Amino acid sequence: MGLSLKEQISDFIRSLPNVKQKHDSMSEEAYFYGLRNFAHFHGLQHIDIRLSKPQQEEALRTHMAIEHRYAPQAGWISCKIESEDHVANTKRLIKQAYDTCVFLKTLHRPAN
């Protein structure tokens, strides 16, 4: 038997370099790059992802995501995971969120 849709996404996130899975106040399965929570699950079919504002606007405009219920002002969006197509779209959004984390950390790295 293959991986569930949620397991496919969890495995993808864990494959990204320097990502840590932690429990936090938002979810028992939250993913961090450094101190930044960029994705966390709520149950088996719902994940929240933190994007930059332009990425968030594009994800909402193209219907790849729905508006986050509590913190859209911080770039959060929500995705329902109900099909293989949803998995592919969600992975794309997670990769965008991850790349933003890497970029932001590089910006704030002290010069040697």
Protein backbone atom coordinates (compact mmCIF):
# COMPACT_ATOMS: atom_id res chain seq x y z
CA MET A 1 0.00 0.00 0.00
CA GLY A 2 1.29 3.48 -0.90
CA LEU A 3 1.68 6.52 1.25
CA SER A 4 -1.38 8.55 2.21
CA LEU A 5 -1.70 12.02 0.71
CA LYS A 6 -0.62 13.58 4.02
CA GLU A 7 2.38 11.23 4.27
CA GLN A 8 3.47 12.19 0.75
CA ILE A 9 3.51 15.85 1.77
CA SER A 10 5.18 15.18 5.14
CA ASP A 11 7.92 13.16 3.42
CA PHE A 12 8.44 15.95 0.89
CA ILE A 13 8.80 18.58 3.63
CA ARG A 14 11.22 16.41 5.63
CA SER A 15 13.34 15.97 2.49
CA LEU A 16 14.08 19.71 2.37
CA PRO A 17 17.49 20.62 3.86
CA ASN A 18 17.63 21.95 7.44
CA VAL A 19 13.91 21.52 8.13
CA LYS A 20 12.90 20.45 11.63
CA GLN A 21 9.57 18.97 12.65
CA LYS A 22 8.35 20.26 16.01
CA HIS A 23 5.24 20.49 18.11
CA ASP A 24 4.03 24.01 18.62
CA SER A 25 0.92 25.83 19.76
CA MET A 26 -0.59 25.69 16.26
CA SER A 27 -0.07 22.01 15.50
CA GLU A 28 1.50 18.79 16.69
CA GLU A 29 3.12 18.53 13.25
CA ALA A 30 4.74 21.85 12.40
CA TYR A 31 7.75 22.38 10.16
CA PHE A 32 10.42 24.98 10.78
CA TYR A 33 13.37 26.40 8.94
CA GLY A 34 15.41 28.01 11.67
CA LEU A 35 12.91 29.69 13.96
CA ARG A 36 10.30 30.20 11.24
CA ASN A 37 7.24 27.95 11.14
CA PHE A 38 6.45 27.72 7.44
CA ALA A 39 3.94 24.84 7.36
CA HIS A 40 1.80 22.90 9.79
CA PHE A 41 -0.96 20.31 9.57
CA HIS A 42 -4.41 20.32 11.11
CA GLY A 43 -5.61 16.76 10.81
CA LEU A 44 -5.14 14.51 7.78
CA GLN A 45 -6.42 16.79 5.01
CA HIS A 46 -5.56 20.35 5.99
CA ILE A 47 -2.23 22.18 5.94
CA ASP A 48 -1.41 25.84 6.53
CA ILE A 49 1.54 27.33 4.66
CA ARG A 50 3.24 30.70 5.21
CA LEU A 51 4.07 32.51 1.98
CA SER A 52 5.33 35.95 1.07
CA LYS A 53 2.50 38.39 0.36
CA PRO A 54 2.94 38.21 -3.47
CA GLN A 55 3.04 34.39 -3.32
CA GLN A 56 -0.05 34.39 -1.10
CA GLU A 57 -1.94 36.65 -3.52
CA GLU A 58 -1.02 34.42 -6.46
CA ALA A 59 -2.01 31.20 -4.63
CA LEU A 60 -5.39 32.69 -3.76
CA ARG A 61 -5.93 34.21 -7.22
CA THR A 62 -5.23 30.86 -8.93
CA HIS A 63 -7.31 28.90 -6.39
CA MET A 64 -4.34 26.76 -5.31
CA ALA A 65 -5.20 27.72 -1.73
CA ILE A 66 -7.89 29.25 0.40
CA GLU A 67 -7.58 32.21 2.72
CA HIS A 68 -6.28 31.37 6.17
CA ARG A 69 -8.94 31.76 8.79
CA TYR A 70 -6.90 33.50 11.50
CA ALA A 71 -3.68 35.02 10.14
CA PRO A 72 -3.90 35.94 6.46
CA GLN A 73 -2.12 39.23 7.25
CA ALA A 74 1.05 37.21 8.01
CA GLY A 75 1.00 35.44 4.63
CA TRP A 76 -0.66 32.22 5.82
CA ILE A 77 -2.85 30.27 3.41
CA SER A 78 -4.66 26.96 3.83
CA CYS A 79 -4.79 23.93 1.55
CA LYS A 80 -7.13 20.98 1.59
CA ILE A 81 -5.50 17.71 0.57
CA GLU A 82 -8.10 15.50 -1.09
CA SER A 83 -6.41 14.29 -4.30
CA GLU A 84 -3.06 13.72 -6.02
CA ASP A 85 -3.54 17.09 -7.78
CA HIS A 86 -3.87 18.76 -4.39
CA VAL A 87 -0.64 17.05 -3.29
CA ALA A 88 1.25 18.41 -6.31
CA ASN A 89 -0.08 21.96 -5.82
CA THR A 90 0.60 21.85 -2.09
CA LYS A 91 4.18 20.71 -2.65
CA ARG A 92 4.72 23.66 -5.00
CA LEU A 93 3.44 26.09 -2.38
CA ILE A 94 5.53 24.45 0.36
CA LYS A 95 8.64 24.77 -1.82
CA GLN A 96 7.88 28.48 -2.31
CA ALA A 97 7.49 28.92 1.46
CA TYR A 98 10.73 27.03 2.11
CA ASP A 99 12.63 29.08 -0.49
CA THR A 100 11.35 32.28 1.16
CA CYS A 101 12.65 31.05 4.54
CA VAL A 102 16.07 30.31 3.06
CA PHE A 103 16.16 33.73 1.38
CA LEU A 104 15.14 35.57 4.56
CA LYS A 105 17.74 33.73 6.64
CA THR A 106 20.43 34.59 4.08
CA LEU A 107 19.41 38.25 4.25
CA HIS A 108 19.84 38.29 8.01
CA ARG A 109 23.11 36.34 8.14
CA PRO A 110 25.90 38.51 9.58
CA ALA A 111 28.71 39.34 7.19
CA ASN A 112 32.10 37.82 8.00
